[in-house]
Amino acid sequence: MNNPTDQLKRMAVFAEVVAAGSLTAAAQRLGMTPSAVSQHLRQLEKSLGLALLHRSTRKLTLTEAGARYHVGCAAMVAAARAAESALA
């Protein structure tokens, strides 16, 4: 069974990849290597049993499932940021 904390991190990484538009840009924003970002995405897709992104050498595009899943992932990240802001 997946560790819930690891799964939440993978969801946040996925949301950042979509927001950044590339693995490399997301890696820079997150302070990770592109390879680590890619690994998080692979593990997330494996745990869900479906592809979230179509990858090519030139661009990433969301699958239909990825587009639906991204809505929830982005909302989760926004809620976490709002919670932090409420404490400031």
PDB file of N, CA and C in Angstrom:
ATOM      1  N   MET A   1       0.840  -1.184   0.000  1.00  0.00           N
ATOM      2  CA  MET A   1       0.000   0.000   0.000  1.00  0.00           C
ATOM      3  C   MET A   1       0.882   1.243   0.000  1.00  0.00           C
ATOM      4  N   ASN A   2       0.429   2.265  -0.706  1.00  0.00           N
ATOM      5  CA  ASN A   2       1.201   3.501  -0.791  1.00  0.00           C
ATOM      6  C   ASN A   2       1.158   4.281   0.511  1.00  0.00           C
ATOM      7  N   ASN A   3       2.270   4.888   0.845  1.00  0.00           N
ATOM      8  CA  ASN A   3       2.344   5.798   1.972  1.00  0.00           C
ATOM      9  C   ASN A   3       1.566   7.059   1.586  1.00  0.00           C
ATOM     10  N   PRO A   4       0.562   7.470   2.371  1.00  0.00           N
ATOM     11  CA  PRO A   4      -0.242   8.648   2.009  1.00  0.00           C
ATOM     12  C   PRO A   4       0.586   9.920   1.840  1.00  0.00           C
ATOM     13  N   THR A   5       1.622  10.090   2.644  1.00  0.00           N
ATOM     14  CA  THR A   5       2.472  11.273   2.528  1.00  0.00           C
ATOM     15  C   THR A   5       3.215  11.272   1.199  1.00  0.00           C
ATOM     16  N   ASP A   6       3.730  10.121   0.805  1.00  0.00           N
ATOM     17  CA  ASP A   6       4.422  10.016  -0.481  1.00  0.00           C
ATOM     18  C   ASP A   6       3.462  10.305  -1.631  1.00  0.00           C
ATOM     19  N   GLN A   7       2.239   9.793  -1.523  1.00  0.00           N
ATOM     20  CA  GLN A   7       1.251  10.002  -2.578  1.00  0.00           C
ATOM     21  C   GLN A   7       0.897  11.487  -2.697  1.00  0.00           C
ATOM     22  N   LEU A   8       0.755  12.181  -1.578  1.00  0.00           N
ATOM     23  CA  LEU A   8       0.461  13.617  -1.610  1.00  0.00           C
ATOM     24  C   LEU A   8       1.607  14.393  -2.260  1.00  0.00           C
ATOM     25  N   LYS A   9       2.837  13.985  -1.961  1.00  0.00           N
ATOM     26  CA  LYS A   9       3.987  14.647  -2.579  1.00  0.00           C
ATOM     27  C   LYS A   9       3.974  14.416  -4.093  1.00  0.00           C
ATOM     28  N   ARG A  10       3.680  13.200  -4.498  1.00  0.00           N
ATOM     29  CA  ARG A  10       3.626  12.897  -5.935  1.00  0.00           C
ATOM     30  C   ARG A  10       2.537  13.723  -6.616  1.00  0.00           C
ATOM     31  N   MET A  11       1.405  13.890  -5.950  1.00  0.00           N
ATOM     32  CA  MET A  11       0.321  14.705  -6.497  1.00  0.00           C
ATOM     33  C   MET A  11       0.756  16.165  -6.642  1.00  0.00           C
ATOM     34  N   ALA A  12       1.490  16.671  -5.642  1.00  0.00           N
ATOM     35  CA  ALA A  12       1.977  18.048  -5.701  1.00  0.00           C
ATOM     36  C   ALA A  12       3.006  18.206  -6.819  1.00  0.00           C
ATOM     37  N   VAL A  13       3.868  17.225  -6.999  1.00  0.00           N
ATOM     38  CA  VAL A  13       4.852  17.261  -8.080  1.00  0.00           C
ATOM     39  C   VAL A  13       4.138  17.257  -9.429  1.00  0.00           C
ATOM     40  N   PHE A  14       3.117  16.416  -9.569  1.00  0.00           N
ATOM     41  CA  PHE A  14       2.338  16.373 -10.801  1.00  0.00           C
ATOM     42  C   PHE A  14       1.715  17.743 -11.085  1.00  0.00           C
ATOM     43  N   ALA A  15       1.114  18.358 -10.074  1.00  0.00           N
ATOM     44  CA  ALA A  15       0.508  19.679 -10.256  1.00  0.00           C
ATOM     45  C   ALA A  15       1.551  20.697 -10.696  1.00  0.00           C
ATOM     46  N   GLU A  16       2.752  20.612 -10.155  1.00  0.00           N
ATOM     47  CA  GLU A  16       3.813  21.551 -10.521  1.00  0.00           C
ATOM     48  C   GLU A  16       4.297  21.315 -11.943  1.00  0.00           C
ATOM     49  N   VAL A  17       4.387  20.070 -12.359  1.00  0.00           N
ATOM     50  CA  VAL A  17       4.789  19.765 -13.735  1.00  0.00           C
ATOM     51  C   VAL A  17       3.792  20.385 -14.713  1.00  0.00           C
ATOM     52  N   VAL A  18       2.517  20.233 -14.422  1.00  0.00           N
ATOM     53  CA  VAL A  18       1.498  20.797 -15.298  1.00  0.00           C
ATOM     54  C   VAL A  18       1.602  22.325 -15.304  1.00  0.00           C
ATOM     55  N   ALA A  19       1.751  22.929 -14.134  1.00  0.00           N
ATOM     56  CA  ALA A  19       1.848  24.388 -14.041  1.00  0.00           C
ATOM     57  C   ALA A  19       3.095  24.914 -14.752  1.00  0.00           C
ATOM     58  N   ALA A  20       4.207  24.187 -14.625  1.00  0.00           N
ATOM     59  CA  ALA A  20       5.473  24.626 -15.214  1.00  0.00           C
ATOM     60  C   ALA A  20       5.558  24.313 -16.702  1.00  0.00           C
ATOM     61  N   GLY A  21       4.846  23.297 -17.148  1.00  0.00           N
ATOM     62  CA  GLY A  21       4.842  22.929 -18.556  1.00  0.00           C
ATOM     63  C   GLY A  21       5.947  21.988 -18.986  1.00  0.00           C
ATOM     64  N   SER A  22       6.839  21.652 -18.068  1.00  0.00           N
ATOM     65  CA  SER A  22       7.902  20.696 -18.400  1.00  0.00           C
ATOM     66  C   SER A  22       8.479  20.100 -17.121  1.00  0.00           C
ATOM     67  N   LEU A  23       9.095  18.939 -17.276  1.00  0.00           N
ATOM     68  CA  LEU A  23       9.741  18.295 -16.127  1.00  0.00           C
ATOM     69  C   LEU A  23      10.908  19.127 -15.625  1.00  0.00           C
ATOM     70  N   THR A  24      11.681  19.679 -16.549  1.00  0.00           N
ATOM     71  CA  THR A  24      12.860  20.457 -16.174  1.00  0.00           C
ATOM     72  C   THR A  24      12.469  21.715 -15.414  1.00  0.00           C
ATOM     73  N   ALA A  25      11.471  22.439 -15.908  1.00  0.00           N
ATOM     74  CA  ALA A  25      11.031  23.658 -15.233  1.00  0.00           C
ATOM     75  C   ALA A  25      10.458  23.332 -13.851  1.00  0.00           C
ATOM     76  N   ALA A  26       9.690  22.264 -13.765  1.00  0.00           N
ATOM     77  CA  ALA A  26       9.133  21.851 -12.476  1.00  0.00           C
ATOM     78  C   ALA A  26      10.257  21.469 -11.517  1.00  0.00           C
ATOM     79  N   ALA A  27      11.243  20.750 -12.020  1.00  0.00           N
ATOM     80  CA  ALA A  27      12.380  20.349 -11.183  1.00  0.00           C
ATOM     81  C   ALA A  27      13.093  21.572 -10.621  1.00  0.00           C
ATOM     82  N   GLN A  28      13.300  22.577 -11.452  1.00  0.00           N
ATOM     83  CA  GLN A  28      13.955  23.802 -10.987  1.00  0.00           C
ATOM     84  C   GLN A  28      13.130  24.485  -9.908  1.00  0.00           C
ATOM     85  N   ARG A  29      11.825  24.586 -10.129  1.00  0.00           N
ATOM     86  CA  ARG A  29      10.941  25.226  -9.148  1.00  0.00           C
ATOM     87  C   ARG A  29      10.918  24.472  -7.821  1.00  0.00           C
ATOM     88  N   LEU A  30      11.005  23.146  -7.905  1.00  0.00           N
ATOM     89  CA  LEU A  30      10.912  22.305  -6.711  1.00  0.00           C
ATOM     90  C   LEU A  30      12.256  22.006  -6.059  1.00  0.00           C
ATOM     91  N   GLY A  31      13.338  22.412  -6.707  1.00  0.00           N
ATOM     92  CA  GLY A  31      14.667  22.118  -6.173  1.00  0.00           C
ATOM     93  C   GLY A  31      15.010  20.641  -6.257  1.00  0.00           C
ATOM     94  N   MET A  32      14.538  20.000  -7.326  1.00  0.00           N
ATOM     95  CA  MET A  32      14.768  18.575  -7.544  1.00  0.00           C
ATOM     96  C   MET A  32      15.471  18.394  -8.883  1.00  0.00           C
ATOM     97  N   THR A  33      15.920  17.192  -9.145  1.00  0.00           N
ATOM     98  CA  THR A  33      16.461  16.886 -10.465  1.00  0.00           C
ATOM     99  C   THR A  33      15.304  16.476 -11.383  1.00  0.00           C
ATOM    100  N   PRO A  34      15.453  16.688 -12.691  1.00  0.00           N
ATOM    101  CA  PRO A  34      14.415  16.219 -13.609  1.00  0.00           C
ATOM    102  C   PRO A  34      14.162  14.720 -13.481  1.00  0.00           C
ATOM    103  N   SER A  35      15.200  13.972 -13.217  1.00  0.00           N
ATOM    104  CA  SER A  35      15.055  12.529 -13.054  1.00  0.00           C
ATOM    105  C   SER A  35      14.204  12.197 -11.834  1.00  0.00           C
ATOM    106  N   ALA A  36      14.353  12.934 -10.732  1.00  0.00           N
ATOM    107  CA  ALA A  36      13.536  12.695  -9.535  1.00  0.00           C
ATOM    108  C   ALA A  36      12.073  13.046  -9.807  1.00  0.00           C
ATOM    109  N   VAL A  37      11.845  14.138 -10.532  1.00  0.00           N
ATOM    110  CA  VAL A  37      10.473  14.519 -10.892  1.00  0.00           C
ATOM    111  C   VAL A  37       9.849  13.428 -11.752  1.00  0.00           C
ATOM    112  N   SER A  38      10.591  12.942 -12.727  1.00  0.00           N
ATOM    113  CA  SER A  38      10.106  11.881 -13.598  1.00  0.00           C
ATOM    114  C   SER A  38       9.770  10.626 -12.798  1.00  0.00           C
ATOM    115  N   GLN A  39      10.599  10.306 -11.823  1.00  0.00           N
ATOM    116  CA  GLN A  39      10.364   9.127 -10.991  1.00  0.00           C
ATOM    117  C   GLN A  39       9.072   9.291 -10.181  1.00  0.00           C
ATOM    118  N   HIS A  40       8.847  10.471  -9.624  1.00  0.00           N
ATOM    119  CA  HIS A  40       7.611  10.722  -8.885  1.00  0.00           C
ATOM    120  C   HIS A  40       6.396  10.526  -9.793  1.00  0.00           C
ATOM    121  N   LEU A  41       6.482  11.034 -11.014  1.00  0.00           N
ATOM    122  CA  LEU A  41       5.369  10.881 -11.955  1.00  0.00           C
ATOM    123  C   LEU A  41       5.125   9.417 -12.300  1.00  0.00           C
ATOM    124  N   ARG A  42       6.194   8.680 -12.554  1.00  0.00           N
ATOM    125  CA  ARG A  42       6.054   7.257 -12.869  1.00  0.00           C
ATOM    126  C   ARG A  42       5.389   6.506 -11.716  1.00  0.00           C
ATOM    127  N   GLN A  43       5.824   6.801 -10.488  1.00  0.00           N
ATOM    128  CA  GLN A  43       5.255   6.120  -9.321  1.00  0.00           C
ATOM    129  C   GLN A  43       3.785   6.490  -9.133  1.00  0.00           C
ATOM    130  N   LEU A  44       3.444   7.756  -9.386  1.00  0.00           N
ATOM    131  CA  LEU A  44       2.051   8.181  -9.274  1.00  0.00           C
ATOM    132  C   LEU A  44       1.195   7.466 -10.314  1.00  0.00           C
ATOM    133  N   GLU A  45       1.665   7.455 -11.555  1.00  0.00           N
ATOM    134  CA  GLU A  45       0.922   6.771 -12.615  1.00  0.00           C
ATOM    135  C   GLU A  45       0.783   5.276 -12.320  1.00  0.00           C
ATOM    136  N   LYS A  46       1.830   4.672 -11.795  1.00  0.00           N
ATOM    137  CA  LYS A  46       1.780   3.243 -11.460  1.00  0.00           C
ATOM    138  C   LYS A  46       0.752   2.994 -10.361  1.00  0.00           C
ATOM    139  N   SER A  47       0.737   3.845  -9.343  1.00  0.00           N
ATOM    140  CA  SER A  47      -0.204   3.642  -8.241  1.00  0.00           C
ATOM    141  C   SER A  47      -1.652   3.842  -8.690  1.00  0.00           C
ATOM    142  N   LEU A  48      -1.864   4.720  -9.669  1.00  0.00           N
ATOM    143  CA  LEU A  48      -3.213   4.971 -10.182  1.00  0.00           C
ATOM    144  C   LEU A  48      -3.612   3.973 -11.266  1.00  0.00           C
ATOM    145  N   GLY A  49      -2.611   3.359 -11.879  1.00  0.00           N
ATOM    146  CA  GLY A  49      -2.866   2.402 -12.939  1.00  0.00           C
ATOM    147  C   GLY A  49      -3.250   3.038 -14.255  1.00  0.00           C
ATOM    148  N   LEU A  50      -2.820   4.279 -14.471  1.00  0.00           N
ATOM    149  CA  LEU A  50      -3.113   4.954 -15.736  1.00  0.00           C
ATOM    150  C   LEU A  50      -2.110   6.063 -16.005  1.00  0.00           C
ATOM    151  N   ALA A  51      -2.032   6.445 -17.266  1.00  0.00           N
ATOM    152  CA  ALA A  51      -1.123   7.522 -17.678  1.00  0.00           C
ATOM    153  C   ALA A  51      -1.793   8.866 -17.449  1.00  0.00           C
ATOM    154  N   LEU A  52      -1.037   9.803 -16.900  1.00  0.00           N
ATOM    155  CA  LEU A  52      -1.538  11.155 -16.672  1.00  0.00           C
ATOM    156  C   LEU A  52      -1.055  12.124 -17.733  1.00  0.00           C
ATOM    157  N   LEU A  53       0.102  11.814 -18.317  1.00  0.00           N
ATOM    158  CA  LEU A  53       0.727  12.699 -19.299  1.00  0.00           C
ATOM    159  C   LEU A  53       1.157  11.927 -20.533  1.00  0.00           C
ATOM    160  N   HIS A  54       1.046  12.577 -21.675  1.00  0.00           N
ATOM    161  CA  HIS A  54       1.677  12.089 -22.900  1.00  0.00           C
ATOM    162  C   HIS A  54       3.017  12.808 -22.964  1.00  0.00           C
ATOM    163  N   ARG A  55       4.100  12.055 -23.029  1.00  0.00           N
ATOM    164  CA  ARG A  55       5.430  12.653 -23.066  1.00  0.00           C
ATOM    165  C   ARG A  55       6.026  12.507 -24.453  1.00  0.00           C
ATOM    166  N   SER A  56       6.608  13.592 -24.950  1.00  0.00           N
ATOM    167  CA  SER A  56       7.401  13.533 -26.174  1.00  0.00           C
ATOM    168  C   SER A  56       8.662  14.332 -25.900  1.00  0.00           C
ATOM    169  N   THR A  57       9.587  14.301 -26.838  1.00  0.00           N
ATOM    170  CA  THR A  57      10.831  15.046 -26.622  1.00  0.00           C
ATOM    171  C   THR A  57      10.592  16.548 -26.634  1.00  0.00           C
ATOM    172  N   ARG A  58       9.481  16.978 -27.209  1.00  0.00           N
ATOM    173  CA  ARG A  58       9.221  18.415 -27.321  1.00  0.00           C
ATOM    174  C   ARG A  58       8.211  18.964 -26.333  1.00  0.00           C
ATOM    175  N   LYS A  59       7.248  18.144 -25.898  1.00  0.00           N
ATOM    176  CA  LYS A  59       6.239  18.693 -24.993  1.00  0.00           C
ATOM    177  C   LYS A  59       5.537  17.616 -24.193  1.00  0.00           C
ATOM    178  N   LEU A  60       4.855  18.072 -23.164  1.00  0.00           N
ATOM    179  CA  LEU A  60       4.007  17.229 -22.337  1.00  0.00           C
ATOM    180  C   LEU A  60       2.567  17.668 -22.558  1.00  0.00           C
ATOM    181  N   THR A  61       1.679  16.722 -22.684  1.00  0.00           N
ATOM    182  CA  THR A  61       0.260  17.040 -22.739  1.00  0.00           C
ATOM    183  C   THR A  61      -0.477  16.113 -21.789  1.00  0.00           C
ATOM    184  N   LEU A  62      -1.543  16.622 -21.219  1.00  0.00           N
ATOM    185  CA  LEU A  62      -2.342  15.834 -20.298  1.00  0.00           C
ATOM    186  C   LEU A  62      -3.192  14.820 -21.050  1.00  0.00           C
ATOM    187  N   THR A  63      -3.300  13.638 -20.480  1.00  0.00           N
ATOM    188  CA  THR A  63      -4.287  12.686 -20.969  1.00  0.00           C
ATOM    189  C   THR A  63      -5.647  13.174 -20.454  1.00  0.00           C
ATOM    190  N   GLU A  64      -6.712  12.565 -20.922  1.00  0.00           N
ATOM    191  CA  GLU A  64      -8.038  12.945 -20.417  1.00  0.00           C
ATOM    192  C   GLU A  64      -8.116  12.715 -18.902  1.00  0.00           C
ATOM    193  N   ALA A  65      -7.613  11.569 -18.461  1.00  0.00           N
ATOM    194  CA  ALA A  65      -7.607  11.267 -17.025  1.00  0.00           C
ATOM    195  C   ALA A  65      -6.702  12.242 -16.274  1.00  0.00           C
ATOM    196  N   GLY A  66      -5.569  12.581 -16.878  1.00  0.00           N
ATOM    197  CA  GLY A  66      -4.645  13.520 -16.257  1.00  0.00           C
ATOM    198  C   GLY A  66      -5.268  14.890 -16.068  1.00  0.00           C
ATOM    199  N   ALA A  67      -6.054  15.333 -17.048  1.00  0.00           N
ATOM    200  CA  ALA A  67      -6.723  16.634 -16.944  1.00  0.00           C
ATOM    201  C   ALA A  67      -7.724  16.624 -15.790  1.00  0.00           C
ATOM    202  N   ARG A  68      -8.474  15.538 -15.657  1.00  0.00           N
ATOM    203  CA  ARG A  68      -9.443  15.440 -14.561  1.00  0.00           C
ATOM    204  C   ARG A  68      -8.719  15.364 -13.207  1.00  0.00           C
ATOM    205  N   TYR A  69      -7.656  14.580 -13.147  1.00  0.00           N
ATOM    206  CA  TYR A  69      -6.921  14.394 -11.896  1.00  0.00           C
ATOM    207  C   TYR A  69      -6.206  15.671 -11.491  1.00  0.00           C
ATOM    208  N   HIS A  70      -5.715  16.417 -12.472  1.00  0.00           N
ATOM    209  CA  HIS A  70      -4.991  17.655 -12.186  1.00  0.00           C
ATOM    210  C   HIS A  70      -5.841  18.652 -11.412  1.00  0.00           C
ATOM    211  N   VAL A  71      -7.130  18.710 -11.712  1.00  0.00           N
ATOM    212  CA  VAL A  71      -8.022  19.643 -11.009  1.00  0.00           C
ATOM    213  C   VAL A  71      -7.928  19.429  -9.498  1.00  0.00           C
ATOM    214  N   GLY A  72      -8.023  18.195  -9.072  1.00  0.00           N
ATOM    215  CA  GLY A  72      -7.941  17.881  -7.649  1.00  0.00           C
ATOM    216  C   GLY A  72      -6.556  18.122  -7.061  1.00  0.00           C
ATOM    217  N   CYS A  73      -5.526  17.785  -7.823  1.00  0.00           N
ATOM    218  CA  CYS A  73      -4.155  17.978  -7.341  1.00  0.00           C
ATOM    219  C   CYS A  73      -3.852  19.465  -7.168  1.00  0.00           C
ATOM    220  N   ALA A  74      -4.255  20.274  -8.139  1.00  0.00           N
ATOM    221  CA  ALA A  74      -4.020  21.717  -8.064  1.00  0.00           C
ATOM    222  C   ALA A  74      -4.798  22.319  -6.892  1.00  0.00           C
ATOM    223  N   ALA A  75      -6.018  21.842  -6.671  1.00  0.00           N
ATOM    224  CA  ALA A  75      -6.819  22.328  -5.543  1.00  0.00           C
ATOM    225  C   ALA A  75      -6.162  21.967  -4.211  1.00  0.00           C
ATOM    226  N   MET A  76      -5.587  20.767  -4.132  1.00  0.00           N
ATOM    227  CA  MET A  76      -4.901  20.344  -2.914  1.00  0.00           C
ATOM    228  C   MET A  76      -3.722  21.265  -2.612  1.00  0.00           C
ATOM    229  N   VAL A  77      -2.932  21.563  -3.632  1.00  0.00           N
ATOM    230  CA  VAL A  77      -1.766  22.441  -3.447  1.00  0.00           C
ATOM    231  C   VAL A  77      -2.229  23.841  -3.041  1.00  0.00           C
ATOM    232  N   ALA A  78      -3.266  24.350  -3.692  1.00  0.00           N
ATOM    233  CA  ALA A  78      -3.789  25.682  -3.364  1.00  0.00           C
ATOM    234  C   ALA A  78      -4.291  25.726  -1.919  1.00  0.00           C
ATOM    235  N   ALA A  79      -4.963  24.673  -1.477  1.00  0.00           N
ATOM    236  CA  ALA A  79      -5.467  24.617  -0.106  1.00  0.00           C
ATOM    237  C   ALA A  79      -4.318  24.600   0.895  1.00  0.00           C
ATOM    238  N   ALA A  80      -3.266  23.869   0.595  1.00  0.00           N
ATOM    239  CA  ALA A  80      -2.107  23.819   1.481  1.00  0.00           C
ATOM    240  C   ALA A  80      -1.432  25.189   1.572  1.00  0.00           C
ATOM    241  N   ARG A  81      -1.323  25.868   0.436  1.00  0.00           N
ATOM    242  CA  ARG A  81      -0.716  27.210   0.437  1.00  0.00           C
ATOM    243  C   ARG A  81      -1.601  28.196   1.197  1.00  0.00           C
ATOM    244  N   ALA A  82      -2.912  28.094   1.059  1.00  0.00           N
ATOM    245  CA  ALA A  82      -3.826  28.973   1.782  1.00  0.00           C
ATOM    246  C   ALA A  82      -3.719  28.734   3.288  1.00  0.00           C
ATOM    247  N   ALA A  83      -3.591  27.490   3.686  1.00  0.00           N
ATOM    248  CA  ALA A  83      -3.440  27.165   5.103  1.00  0.00           C
ATOM    249  C   ALA A  83      -2.168  27.789   5.665  1.00  0.00           C
ATOM    250  N   GLU A  84      -1.084  27.719   4.904  1.00  0.00           N
ATOM    251  CA  GLU A  84       0.170  28.341   5.343  1.00  0.00           C
ATOM    252  C   GLU A  84       0.028  29.857   5.446  1.00  0.00           C
ATOM    253  N   SER A  85      -0.616  30.450   4.458  1.00  0.00           N
ATOM    254  CA  SER A  85      -0.811  31.910   4.446  1.00  0.00           C
ATOM    255  C   SER A  85      -1.655  32.357   5.632  1.00  0.00           C
ATOM    256  N   ALA A  86      -2.606  31.543   6.023  1.00  0.00           N
ATOM    257  CA  ALA A  86      -3.480  31.891   7.160  1.00  0.00           C
ATOM    258  C   ALA A  86      -2.686  31.999   8.456  1.00  0.00           C
ATOM    259  N   LEU A  87      -1.545  31.337   8.506  1.00  0.00           N
ATOM    260  CA  LEU A  87      -0.717  31.375   9.719  1.00  0.00           C
ATOM    261  C   LEU A  87       0.235  32.570   9.738  1.00  0.00           C
ATOM    262  N   ALA A  88       0.446  33.188   8.590  1.00  0.00           N
ATOM    263  CA  ALA A  88       1.411  34.298   8.509  1.00  0.00           C
ATOM    264  C   ALA A  88       0.841  35.578   9.087  1.00  0.00           C
TER     265      ALA A  88
END
